[in-house]
PDB file of N, CA and C in Angstrom:
ATOM      1  N   MET A   1      16.098  16.443-101.185  1.00  0.00           N
ATOM      2  CA  MET A   1      16.902  16.139-100.037  1.00  0.00           C
ATOM      3  C   MET A   1      16.719  17.234 -98.881  1.00  0.00           C
ATOM      4  N   ALA A   2      16.581  16.737 -97.644  1.00  0.00           N
ATOM      5  CA  ALA A   2      16.296  17.587 -96.521  1.00  0.00           C
ATOM      6  C   ALA A   2      17.497  18.543 -96.262  1.00  0.00           C
ATOM      7  N   ASN A   3      17.227  19.714 -95.674  1.00  0.00           N
ATOM      8  CA  ASN A   3      18.191  20.667 -95.385  1.00  0.00           C
ATOM      9  C   ASN A   3      19.196  20.132 -94.392  1.00  0.00           C
ATOM     10  N   GLU A   4      20.467  20.418 -94.448  1.00  0.00           N
ATOM     11  CA  GLU A   4      21.320  20.048 -93.481  1.00  0.00           C
ATOM     12  C   GLU A   4      21.190  20.923 -92.149  1.00  0.00           C
ATOM     13  N   PHE A   5      21.285  20.343 -91.032  1.00  0.00           N
ATOM     14  CA  PHE A   5      21.216  21.250 -89.845  1.00  0.00           C
ATOM     15  C   PHE A   5      22.579  21.999 -89.599  1.00  0.00           C
ATOM     16  N   VAL A   6      22.421  23.179 -88.946  1.00  0.00           N
ATOM     17  CA  VAL A   6      23.577  23.875 -88.580  1.00  0.00           C
ATOM     18  C   VAL A   6      23.698  24.007 -87.201  1.00  0.00           C
ATOM     19  N   VAL A   7      24.917  24.056 -86.547  1.00  0.00           N
ATOM     20  CA  VAL A   7      25.138  24.153 -85.235  1.00  0.00           C
ATOM     21  C   VAL A   7      24.931  25.504 -84.775  1.00  0.00           C
ATOM     22  N   VAL A   8      24.187  25.655 -83.744  1.00  0.00           N
ATOM     23  CA  VAL A   8      23.833  27.008 -83.158  1.00  0.00           C
ATOM     24  C   VAL A   8      24.270  27.247 -81.696  1.00  0.00           C
ATOM     25  N   TRP A   9      24.716  26.102 -81.029  1.00  0.00           N
ATOM     26  CA  TRP A   9      25.168  26.302 -79.771  1.00  0.00           C
ATOM     27  C   TRP A   9      25.967  25.106 -79.326  1.00  0.00           C
ATOM     28  N   THR A  10      27.102  25.348 -78.658  1.00  0.00           N
ATOM     29  CA  THR A  10      27.798  24.109 -77.952  1.00  0.00           C
ATOM     30  C   THR A  10      27.795  24.117 -76.533  1.00  0.00           C
ATOM     31  N   PHE A  11      27.469  23.099 -75.911  1.00  0.00           N
ATOM     32  CA  PHE A  11      27.336  23.001 -74.455  1.00  0.00           C
ATOM     33  C   PHE A  11      28.518  22.233 -73.951  1.00  0.00           C
ATOM     34  N   SER A  12      28.934  22.454 -72.637  1.00  0.00           N
ATOM     35  CA  SER A  12      29.999  21.710 -72.069  1.00  0.00           C
ATOM     36  C   SER A  12      29.534  20.350 -71.393  1.00  0.00           C
ATOM     37  N   ASN A  13      28.117  20.166 -71.328  1.00  0.00           N
ATOM     38  CA  ASN A  13      27.707  19.043 -70.719  1.00  0.00           C
ATOM     39  C   ASN A  13      26.353  18.699 -71.384  1.00  0.00           C
ATOM     40  N   LEU A  14      26.087  17.302 -71.413  1.00  0.00           N
ATOM     41  CA  LEU A  14      24.929  16.822 -71.852  1.00  0.00           C
ATOM     42  C   LEU A  14      23.517  17.202 -71.182  1.00  0.00           C
ATOM     43  N   THR A  15      23.601  17.510 -69.951  1.00  0.00           N
ATOM     44  CA  THR A  15      22.388  18.097 -69.205  1.00  0.00           C
ATOM     45  C   THR A  15      21.948  19.240 -69.776  1.00  0.00           C
ATOM     46  N   ASP A  16      22.949  20.376 -69.896  1.00  0.00           N
ATOM     47  CA  ASP A  16      22.517  21.638 -70.537  1.00  0.00           C
ATOM     48  C   ASP A  16      21.990  21.479 -71.946  1.00  0.00           C
ATOM     49  N   ALA A  17      22.747  20.678 -72.714  1.00  0.00           N
ATOM     50  CA  ALA A  17      22.355  20.385 -74.113  1.00  0.00           C
ATOM     51  C   ALA A  17      20.942  19.957 -74.171  1.00  0.00           C
ATOM     52  N   ASP A  18      20.663  18.852 -73.323  1.00  0.00           N
ATOM     53  CA  ASP A  18      19.214  18.320 -73.288  1.00  0.00           C
ATOM     54  C   ASP A  18      18.160  19.453 -72.919  1.00  0.00           C
ATOM     55  N   ILE A  19      18.490  20.267 -72.053  1.00  0.00           N
ATOM     56  CA  ILE A  19      17.682  21.407 -71.616  1.00  0.00           C
ATOM     57  C   ILE A  19      17.423  22.170 -72.830  1.00  0.00           C
ATOM     58  N   GLY A  20      18.460  22.611 -73.429  1.00  0.00           N
ATOM     59  CA  GLY A  20      18.386  23.510 -74.724  1.00  0.00           C
ATOM     60  C   GLY A  20      17.658  22.870 -75.765  1.00  0.00           C
ATOM     61  N   LYS A  21      17.799  21.522 -76.042  1.00  0.00           N
ATOM     62  CA  LYS A  21      17.180  20.914 -77.146  1.00  0.00           C
ATOM     63  C   LYS A  21      15.545  20.818 -76.844  1.00  0.00           C
ATOM     64  N   GLY A  22      15.273  20.615 -75.521  1.00  0.00           N
ATOM     65  CA  GLY A  22      13.844  20.484 -75.072  1.00  0.00           C
ATOM     66  C   GLY A  22      13.175  21.855 -75.108  1.00  0.00           C
ATOM     67  N   MET A  23      13.960  22.939 -74.859  1.00  0.00           N
ATOM     68  CA  MET A  23      13.362  24.299 -74.968  1.00  0.00           C
ATOM     69  C   MET A  23      13.039  24.556 -76.470  1.00  0.00           C
ATOM     70  N   LEU A  24      14.052  24.241 -77.385  1.00  0.00           N
ATOM     71  CA  LEU A  24      13.789  24.606 -78.747  1.00  0.00           C
ATOM     72  C   LEU A  24      12.583  23.741 -79.234  1.00  0.00           C
ATOM     73  N   ASP A  25      12.532  22.424 -78.927  1.00  0.00           N
ATOM     74  CA  ASP A  25      11.444  21.542 -79.299  1.00  0.00           C
ATOM     75  C   ASP A  25      10.149  22.184 -78.903  1.00  0.00           C
ATOM     76  N   ALA A  26      10.103  22.601 -77.610  1.00  0.00           N
ATOM     77  CA  ALA A  26       8.894  23.185 -77.059  1.00  0.00           C
ATOM     78  C   ALA A  26       8.347  24.446 -77.806  1.00  0.00           C
ATOM     79  N   ASN A  27       9.343  25.131 -78.389  1.00  0.00           N
ATOM     80  CA  ASN A  27       9.006  26.343 -79.256  1.00  0.00           C
ATOM     81  C   ASN A  27       8.930  26.096 -80.679  1.00  0.00           C
ATOM     82  N   GLY A  28       8.683  24.834 -80.985  1.00  0.00           N
ATOM     83  CA  GLY A  28       8.420  24.375 -82.436  1.00  0.00           C
ATOM     84  C   GLY A  28       9.733  24.393 -83.322  1.00  0.00           C
ATOM     85  N   ILE A  29      10.811  24.254 -82.737  1.00  0.00           N
ATOM     86  CA  ILE A  29      12.136  24.294 -83.561  1.00  0.00           C
ATOM     87  C   ILE A  29      12.719  22.912 -83.277  1.00  0.00           C
ATOM     88  N   PRO A  30      12.598  22.097 -84.310  1.00  0.00           N
ATOM     89  CA  PRO A  30      13.173  20.681 -84.133  1.00  0.00           C
ATOM     90  C   PRO A  30      14.743  20.835 -84.133  1.00  0.00           C
ATOM     91  N   ALA A  31      15.378  20.138 -83.271  1.00  0.00           N
ATOM     92  CA  ALA A  31      16.722  20.264 -82.947  1.00  0.00           C
ATOM     93  C   ALA A  31      17.420  18.774 -82.815  1.00  0.00           C
ATOM     94  N   GLU A  32      18.672  18.764 -83.105  1.00  0.00           N
ATOM     95  CA  GLU A  32      19.443  17.444 -83.036  1.00  0.00           C
ATOM     96  C   GLU A  32      20.676  17.852 -82.254  1.00  0.00           C
ATOM     97  N   LEU A  33      21.073  16.831 -81.417  1.00  0.00           N
ATOM     98  CA  LEU A  33      22.368  16.940 -80.591  1.00  0.00           C
ATOM     99  C   LEU A  33      23.367  16.104 -81.262  1.00  0.00           C
ATOM    100  N   TYR A  34      24.653  16.616 -81.251  1.00  0.00           N
ATOM    101  CA  TYR A  34      25.719  16.003 -81.821  1.00  0.00           C
ATOM    102  C   TYR A  34      26.945  16.000 -80.878  1.00  0.00           C
ATOM    103  N   GLY A  35      27.874  14.969 -80.807  1.00  0.00           N
ATOM    104  CA  GLY A  35      29.010  15.023 -80.152  1.00  0.00           C
ATOM    105  C   GLY A  35      28.961  14.288 -78.806  1.00  0.00           C
ATOM    106  N   TYR A  36      28.000  13.226 -78.759  1.00  0.00           N
ATOM    107  CA  TYR A  36      27.933  12.459 -77.469  1.00  0.00           C
ATOM    108  C   TYR A  36      27.446  11.093 -77.934  1.00  0.00           C
ATOM    109  N   SER A  37      27.469  10.204 -76.989  1.00  0.00           N
ATOM    110  CA  SER A  37      26.953   8.967 -77.242  1.00  0.00           C
ATOM    111  C   SER A  37      26.034   8.514 -75.981  1.00  0.00           C
ATOM    112  N   HIS A  38      24.889   7.868 -76.197  1.00  0.00           N
ATOM    113  CA  HIS A  38      24.182   7.426 -75.174  1.00  0.00           C
ATOM    114  C   HIS A  38      24.869   6.076 -74.405  1.00  0.00           C
ATOM    115  N   GLU A  39      25.559   5.452 -75.175  1.00  0.00           N
ATOM    116  CA  GLU A  39      26.281   4.232 -74.601  1.00  0.00           C
ATOM    117  C   GLU A  39      27.407   4.661 -73.611  1.00  0.00           C
ATOM    118  N   ARG A  40      28.020   5.767 -74.019  1.00  0.00           N
ATOM    119  CA  ARG A  40      29.224   6.306 -73.278  1.00  0.00           C
ATOM    120  C   ARG A  40      29.154   7.859 -73.288  1.00  0.00           C
ATOM    121  N   PRO A  41      28.203   8.313 -72.429  1.00  0.00           N
ATOM    122  CA  PRO A  41      27.914   9.731 -72.450  1.00  0.00           C
ATOM    123  C   PRO A  41      28.946  10.670 -72.179  1.00  0.00           C
ATOM    124  N   ASN A  42      30.015  10.305 -71.524  1.00  0.00           N
ATOM    125  CA  ASN A  42      31.053  11.258 -71.259  1.00  0.00           C
ATOM    126  C   ASN A  42      32.200  11.184 -72.231  1.00  0.00           C
ATOM    127  N   LEU A  43      32.094  10.359 -73.225  1.00  0.00           N
ATOM    128  CA  LEU A  43      33.088  10.286 -74.254  1.00  0.00           C
ATOM    129  C   LEU A  43      33.015  11.421 -75.186  1.00  0.00           C
ATOM    130  N   ASN A  44      34.144  11.980 -75.541  1.00  0.00           N
ATOM    131  CA  ASN A  44      34.247  13.143 -76.382  1.00  0.00           C
ATOM    132  C   ASN A  44      33.675  14.401 -76.014  1.00  0.00           C
ATOM    133  N   LEU A  45      33.347  14.646 -74.687  1.00  0.00           N
ATOM    134  CA  LEU A  45      32.690  15.959 -74.286  1.00  0.00           C
ATOM    135  C   LEU A  45      33.762  16.947 -74.262  1.00  0.00           C
ATOM    136  N   SER A  46      35.002  16.705 -74.479  1.00  0.00           N
ATOM    137  CA  SER A  46      36.073  17.660 -74.401  1.00  0.00           C
ATOM    138  C   SER A  46      35.745  18.670 -75.514  1.00  0.00           C
ATOM    139  N   MET A  47      35.077  18.217 -76.560  1.00  0.00           N
ATOM    140  CA  MET A  47      34.747  18.986 -77.656  1.00  0.00           C
ATOM    141  C   MET A  47      33.381  19.732 -77.548  1.00  0.00           C
ATOM    142  N   GLY A  48      32.562  19.246 -76.509  1.00  0.00           N
ATOM    143  CA  GLY A  48      31.216  19.819 -76.279  1.00  0.00           C
ATOM    144  C   GLY A  48      30.110  19.042 -76.968  1.00  0.00           C
ATOM    145  N   VAL A  49      29.015  19.299 -76.535  1.00  0.00           N
ATOM    146  CA  VAL A  49      27.833  18.696 -77.184  1.00  0.00           C
ATOM    147  C   VAL A  49      27.130  19.790 -77.998  1.00  0.00           C
ATOM    148  N   GLU A  50      27.039  19.582 -79.356  1.00  0.00           N
ATOM    149  CA  GLU A  50      26.534  20.671 -80.236  1.00  0.00           C
ATOM    150  C   GLU A  50      24.993  20.403 -80.433  1.00  0.00           C
ATOM    151  N   LEU A  51      24.308  21.576 -80.503  1.00  0.00           N
ATOM    152  CA  LEU A  51      22.911  21.614 -80.687  1.00  0.00           C
ATOM    153  C   LEU A  51      22.663  22.226 -82.170  1.00  0.00           C
ATOM    154  N   ALA A  52      22.068  21.553 -82.959  1.00  0.00           N
ATOM    155  CA  ALA A  52      21.909  21.990 -84.463  1.00  0.00           C
ATOM    156  C   ALA A  52      20.440  22.046 -84.768  1.00  0.00           C
ATOM    157  N   VAL A  53      20.072  23.050 -85.611  1.00  0.00           N
ATOM    158  CA  VAL A  53      18.702  23.151 -86.120  1.00  0.00           C
ATOM    159  C   VAL A  53      18.773  23.412 -87.603  1.00  0.00           C
ATOM    160  N   SER A  54      17.641  23.549 -88.355  1.00  0.00           N
ATOM    161  CA  SER A  54      17.694  23.878 -89.697  1.00  0.00           C
ATOM    162  C   SER A  54      18.071  25.367 -89.916  1.00  0.00           C
ATOM    163  N   PRO A  55      18.802  25.534 -91.165  1.00  0.00           N
ATOM    164  CA  PRO A  55      19.273  26.951 -91.184  1.00  0.00           C
ATOM    165  C   PRO A  55      18.134  28.089 -91.253  1.00  0.00           C
ATOM    166  N   GLU A  56      17.050  27.653 -91.668  1.00  0.00           N
ATOM    167  CA  GLU A  56      15.805  28.630 -91.586  1.00  0.00           C
ATOM    168  C   GLU A  56      15.458  29.100 -90.167  1.00  0.00           C
ATOM    169  N   GLN A  57      15.780  28.296 -89.227  1.00  0.00           N
ATOM    170  CA  GLN A  57      15.433  28.502 -87.775  1.00  0.00           C
ATOM    171  C   GLN A  57      16.604  28.803 -86.899  1.00  0.00           C
ATOM    172  N   ALA A  58      17.767  29.000 -87.486  1.00  0.00           N
ATOM    173  CA  ALA A  58      18.970  29.203 -86.677  1.00  0.00           C
ATOM    174  C   ALA A  58      18.964  30.425 -85.951  1.00  0.00           C
ATOM    175  N   GLU A  59      18.668  31.603 -86.560  1.00  0.00           N
ATOM    176  CA  GLU A  59      18.720  32.883 -85.790  1.00  0.00           C
ATOM    177  C   GLU A  59      17.622  32.793 -84.641  1.00  0.00           C
ATOM    178  N   GLU A  60      16.575  32.436 -84.866  1.00  0.00           N
ATOM    179  CA  GLU A  60      15.528  32.294 -83.803  1.00  0.00           C
ATOM    180  C   GLU A  60      16.005  31.451 -82.646  1.00  0.00           C
ATOM    181  N   ALA A  61      16.500  30.248 -82.943  1.00  0.00           N
ATOM    182  CA  ALA A  61      17.080  29.302 -81.966  1.00  0.00           C
ATOM    183  C   ALA A  61      18.170  29.955 -81.132  1.00  0.00           C
ATOM    184  N   LYS A  62      19.160  30.715 -81.860  1.00  0.00           N
ATOM    185  CA  LYS A  62      20.225  31.295 -81.089  1.00  0.00           C
ATOM    186  C   LYS A  62      19.729  32.284 -80.231  1.00  0.00           C
ATOM    187  N   HIS A  63      18.651  33.138 -80.532  1.00  0.00           N
ATOM    188  CA  HIS A  63      18.189  34.068 -79.629  1.00  0.00           C
ATOM    189  C   HIS A  63      17.511  33.444 -78.437  1.00  0.00           C
ATOM    190  N   LEU A  64      16.727  32.441 -78.554  1.00  0.00           N
ATOM    191  CA  LEU A  64      16.165  31.678 -77.495  1.00  0.00           C
ATOM    192  C   LEU A  64      17.124  31.107 -76.516  1.00  0.00           C
ATOM    193  N   LEU A  65      18.170  30.561 -77.144  1.00  0.00           N
ATOM    194  CA  LEU A  65      19.163  29.972 -76.226  1.00  0.00           C
ATOM    195  C   LEU A  65      19.896  30.946 -75.454  1.00  0.00           C
ATOM    196  N   ALA A  66      20.318  32.110 -76.147  1.00  0.00           N
ATOM    197  CA  ALA A  66      20.904  33.157 -75.540  1.00  0.00           C
ATOM    198  C   ALA A  66      20.167  33.644 -74.384  1.00  0.00           C
ATOM    199  N   GLN A  67      18.799  33.810 -74.534  1.00  0.00           N
ATOM    200  CA  GLN A  67      17.901  34.334 -73.417  1.00  0.00           C
ATOM    201  C   GLN A  67      18.051  33.445 -72.256  1.00  0.00           C
ATOM    202  N   THR A  68      18.035  32.144 -72.522  1.00  0.00           N
ATOM    203  CA  THR A  68      18.109  31.057 -71.400  1.00  0.00           C
ATOM    204  C   THR A  68      19.529  30.838 -70.906  1.00  0.00           C
ATOM    205  N   PHE A  69      20.405  30.716 -71.676  1.00  0.00           N
ATOM    206  CA  PHE A  69      21.829  30.195 -71.152  1.00  0.00           C
ATOM    207  C   PHE A  69      22.716  31.419 -70.842  1.00  0.00           C
ATOM    208  N   LEU A  70      22.593  32.565 -71.363  1.00  0.00           N
ATOM    209  CA  LEU A  70      23.492  33.661 -71.094  1.00  0.00           C
ATOM    210  C   LEU A  70      23.023  34.453 -69.901  1.00  0.00           C
ATOM    211  N   ASP A  71      21.656  34.137 -69.384  1.00  0.00           N
ATOM    212  CA  ASP A  71      21.225  34.755 -68.194  1.00  0.00           C
ATOM    213  C   ASP A  71      21.636  33.947 -67.074  1.00  0.00           C
ATOM    214  N   SER A  72      22.213  32.829 -67.206  1.00  0.00           N
ATOM    215  CA  SER A  72      22.580  31.805 -66.237  1.00  0.00           C
ATOM    216  C   SER A  72      24.195  31.870 -65.806  1.00  0.00           C
ATOM    217  N   LYS A  73      24.478  30.802 -65.189  1.00  0.00           N
ATOM    218  CA  LYS A  73      25.997  30.829 -64.880  1.00  0.00           C
ATOM    219  C   LYS A  73      26.934  30.757 -65.984  1.00  0.00           C
ATOM    220  N   GLN A  74      26.456  30.544 -67.246  1.00  0.00           N
ATOM    221  CA  GLN A  74      27.458  30.585 -68.379  1.00  0.00           C
ATOM    222  C   GLN A  74      27.584  31.830 -68.952  1.00  0.00           C
ATOM    223  N   ALA A  75      27.055  32.992 -68.468  1.00  0.00           N
ATOM    224  CA  ALA A  75      27.059  34.212 -69.157  1.00  0.00           C
ATOM    225  C   ALA A  75      28.500  34.720 -69.110  1.00  0.00           C
ATOM    226  N   PRO A  76      28.954  35.210 -70.305  1.00  0.00           N
ATOM    227  CA  PRO A  76      30.236  35.868 -70.449  1.00  0.00           C
ATOM    228  C   PRO A  76      30.146  37.146 -69.686  1.00  0.00           C
ATOM    229  N   ILE A  77      31.417  37.687 -69.432  1.00  0.00           N
ATOM    230  CA  ILE A  77      31.592  39.057 -68.794  1.00  0.00           C
ATOM    231  C   ILE A  77      31.089  40.115 -69.623  1.00  0.00           C
ATOM    232  N   GLU A  78      31.363  40.047 -71.000  1.00  0.00           N
ATOM    233  CA  GLU A  78      30.829  40.880 -71.959  1.00  0.00           C
ATOM    234  C   GLU A  78      29.585  40.426 -72.672  1.00  0.00           C
ATOM    235  N   PRO A  79      28.778  41.206 -73.338  1.00  0.00           N
ATOM    236  CA  PRO A  79      27.788  40.747 -74.197  1.00  0.00           C
ATOM    237  C   PRO A  79      28.133  40.009 -75.511  1.00  0.00           C
ATOM    238  N   LEU A  80      27.295  39.292 -76.121  1.00  0.00           N
ATOM    239  CA  LEU A  80      27.647  38.782 -77.371  1.00  0.00           C
ATOM    240  C   LEU A  80      27.825  39.901 -78.509  1.00  0.00           C
ATOM    241  N   TRP A  81      28.402  39.582 -79.541  1.00  0.00           N
ATOM    242  CA  TRP A  81      28.394  40.620 -80.699  1.00  0.00           C
ATOM    243  C   TRP A  81      28.090  39.942 -81.862  1.00  0.00           C
ATOM    244  N   THR A  82      27.557  40.818 -82.798  1.00  0.00           N
ATOM    245  CA  THR A  82      27.192  40.337 -84.180  1.00  0.00           C
ATOM    246  C   THR A  82      28.051  40.683 -85.217  1.00  0.00           C
ATOM    247  N   CYS A  83      28.566  39.794 -85.968  1.00  0.00           N
ATOM    248  CA  CYS A  83      29.587  40.063 -87.034  1.00  0.00           C
ATOM    249  C   CYS A  83      28.778  41.020 -88.061  1.00  0.00           C
ATOM    250  N   THR A  84      29.480  42.073 -88.436  1.00  0.00           N
ATOM    251  CA  THR A  84      28.899  43.005 -89.437  1.00  0.00           C
ATOM    252  C   THR A  84      29.086  42.479 -90.824  1.00  0.00           C
ATOM    253  N   VAL A  85      29.839  41.488 -91.084  1.00  0.00           N
ATOM    254  CA  VAL A  85      30.016  40.907 -92.500  1.00  0.00           C
ATOM    255  C   VAL A  85      29.047  39.816 -92.757  1.00  0.00           C
ATOM    256  N   CYS A  86      28.846  38.842 -91.774  1.00  0.00           N
ATOM    257  CA  CYS A  86      28.062  37.657 -92.198  1.00  0.00           C
ATOM    258  C   CYS A  86      26.821  37.501 -91.229  1.00  0.00           C
ATOM    259  N   GLY A  87      26.780  38.359 -90.188  1.00  0.00           N
ATOM    260  CA  GLY A  87      25.579  38.334 -89.221  1.00  0.00           C
ATOM    261  C   GLY A  87      25.645  37.292 -88.230  1.00  0.00           C
ATOM    262  N   GLU A  88      26.916  36.487 -88.034  1.00  0.00           N
ATOM    263  CA  GLU A  88      27.032  35.474 -87.065  1.00  0.00           C
ATOM    264  C   GLU A  88      27.069  36.091 -85.637  1.00  0.00           C
ATOM    265  N   ILE A  89      26.479  35.419 -84.678  1.00  0.00           N
ATOM    266  CA  ILE A  89      26.529  35.896 -83.253  1.00  0.00           C
ATOM    267  C   ILE A  89      27.725  35.160 -82.602  1.00  0.00           C
ATOM    268  N   CYS A  90      28.441  36.019 -82.046  1.00  0.00           N
ATOM    269  CA  CYS A  90      29.914  35.496 -81.569  1.00  0.00           C
ATOM    270  C   CYS A  90      29.935  35.964 -80.049  1.00  0.00           C
ATOM    271  N   GLU A  91      30.737  35.109 -79.328  1.00  0.00           N
ATOM    272  CA  GLU A  91      30.855  35.335 -77.913  1.00  0.00           C
ATOM    273  C   GLU A  91      31.903  36.568 -77.680  1.00  0.00           C
ATOM    274  N   ALA A  92      31.840  37.082 -76.570  1.00  0.00           N
ATOM    275  CA  ALA A  92      32.477  38.341 -76.424  1.00  0.00           C
ATOM    276  C   ALA A  92      33.993  38.226 -76.356  1.00  0.00           C
ATOM    277  N   GLN A  93      34.562  37.080 -75.900  1.00  0.00           N
ATOM    278  CA  GLN A  93      35.955  36.866 -75.735  1.00  0.00           C
ATOM    279  C   GLN A  93      36.694  36.801 -77.178  1.00  0.00           C
ATOM    280  N   PHE A  94      35.969  36.569 -78.311  1.00  0.00           N
ATOM    281  CA  PHE A  94      36.606  36.361 -79.538  1.00  0.00           C
ATOM    282  C   PHE A  94      36.692  37.781 -80.279  1.00  0.00           C
ATOM    283  N   THR A  95      37.829  38.020 -80.754  1.00  0.00           N
ATOM    284  CA  THR A  95      38.102  39.328 -81.443  1.00  0.00           C
ATOM    285  C   THR A  95      37.939  39.234 -82.974  1.00  0.00           C
ATOM    286  N   GLN A  96      37.772  38.006 -83.585  1.00  0.00           N
ATOM    287  CA  GLN A  96      37.344  37.778 -84.830  1.00  0.00           C
ATOM    288  C   GLN A  96      36.199  36.795 -84.840  1.00  0.00           C
ATOM    289  N   CYS A  97      35.415  37.086 -85.980  1.00  0.00           N
ATOM    290  CA  CYS A  97      34.175  36.174 -86.350  1.00  0.00           C
ATOM    291  C   CYS A  97      34.749  34.733 -86.565  1.00  0.00           C
ATOM    292  N   TRP A  98      34.270  33.790 -85.791  1.00  0.00           N
ATOM    293  CA  TRP A  98      34.676  32.451 -85.985  1.00  0.00           C
ATOM    294  C   TRP A  98      34.175  31.750 -87.279  1.00  0.00           C
ATOM    295  N   LYS A  99      33.146  32.462 -87.844  1.00  0.00           N
ATOM    296  CA  LYS A  99      32.650  31.915 -89.178  1.00  0.00           C
ATOM    297  C   LYS A  99      33.441  32.532 -90.450  1.00  0.00           C
ATOM    298  N   CYS A 100      33.636  33.856 -90.384  1.00  0.00           N
ATOM    299  CA  CYS A 100      34.201  34.509 -91.601  1.00  0.00           C
ATOM    300  C   CYS A 100      35.502  35.038 -91.431  1.00  0.00           C
ATOM    301  N   GLY A 101      35.911  35.295 -90.092  1.00  0.00           N
ATOM    302  CA  GLY A 101      37.159  35.846 -89.777  1.00  0.00           C
ATOM    303  C   GLY A 101      37.214  37.388 -89.725  1.00  0.00           C
ATOM    304  N   ALA A 102      36.099  38.085 -89.951  1.00  0.00           N
ATOM    305  CA  ALA A 102      35.970  39.382 -89.851  1.00  0.00           C
ATOM    306  C   ALA A 102      36.354  39.855 -88.380  1.00  0.00           C
ATOM    307  N   PRO A 103      36.994  41.040 -88.293  1.00  0.00           N
ATOM    308  CA  PRO A 103      37.318  41.485 -86.908  1.00  0.00           C
ATOM    309  C   PRO A 103      36.045  42.046 -86.135  1.00  0.00           C
ATOM    310  N   LYS A 104      36.165  41.834 -84.806  1.00  0.00           N
ATOM    311  CA  LYS A 104      35.040  42.354 -83.916  1.00  0.00           C
ATOM    312  C   LYS A 104      34.823  43.850 -84.166  1.00  0.00           C
ATOM    313  N   PRO A 105      33.647  44.411 -84.360  1.00  0.00           N
ATOM    314  CA  PRO A 105      33.467  45.826 -84.604  1.00  0.00           C
ATOM    315  C   PRO A 105      34.224  46.746 -83.990  1.00  0.00           C
ATOM    316  N   ASP A 106      34.369  46.678 -82.589  1.00  0.00           N
ATOM    317  CA  ASP A 106      35.154  47.732 -81.845  1.00  0.00           C
ATOM    318  C   ASP A 106      36.680  47.640 -82.118  1.00  0.00           C
ATOM    319  N   ILE A 107      37.225  46.371 -82.364  1.00  0.00           N
ATOM    320  CA  ILE A 107      38.587  46.180 -82.767  1.00  0.00           C
ATOM    321  C   ILE A 107      38.764  46.810 -84.076  1.00  0.00           C
ATOM    322  N   ALA A 108      37.867  46.575 -85.084  1.00  0.00           N
ATOM    323  CA  ALA A 108      37.957  47.121 -86.451  1.00  0.00           C
ATOM    324  C   ALA A 108      38.098  48.753 -86.385  1.00  0.00           C
ATOM    325  N   ASP A 109      37.216  49.277 -85.471  1.00  0.00           N
ATOM    326  CA  ASP A 109      37.142  50.771 -85.393  1.00  0.00           C
ATOM    327  C   ASP A 109      38.318  51.330 -84.850  1.00  0.00           C
ATOM    328  N   LEU A 110      39.177  50.585 -84.061  1.00  0.00           N
ATOM    329  CA  LEU A 110      40.409  51.095 -83.411  1.00  0.00           C
ATOM    330  C   LEU A 110      41.489  51.144 -84.395  1.00  0.00           C
ATOM    331  N   SER A 111      41.370  50.269 -85.496  1.00  0.00           N
ATOM    332  CA  SER A 111      42.553  50.297 -86.450  1.00  0.00           C
ATOM    333  C   SER A 111      42.474  51.392 -87.533  1.00  0.00           C
ATOM    334  N   LYS A 112      41.388  52.161 -87.418  1.00  0.00           N
ATOM    335  CA  LYS A 112      41.260  53.197 -88.419  1.00  0.00           C
ATOM    336  C   LYS A 112      41.821  54.482 -88.031  1.00  0.00           C
TER     337      LYS A 112
END
């Protein structure tokens, strides 16, 4: 059975999602888009368009996407942070890891 793909990025529009998918494909990382329909492309975009890759290529894909999209208009005010428990890359506005629930490192340090 083939490996399930994991979501590495969520886009607010199909155009950026297509750009991200094309960039990963060009770098040898096969990717799939979820959360949209070609017949009705604006349906369900409130949840975003998800870009998924194989688990083995997830970290490389996240770093390529971050270099491309976080240097653009979508950049957060603060940098991304990496969860010290599970290694997930999280956006700056989150105080807990969305994957495992561990606190952001600087938040955890303040509670000591």
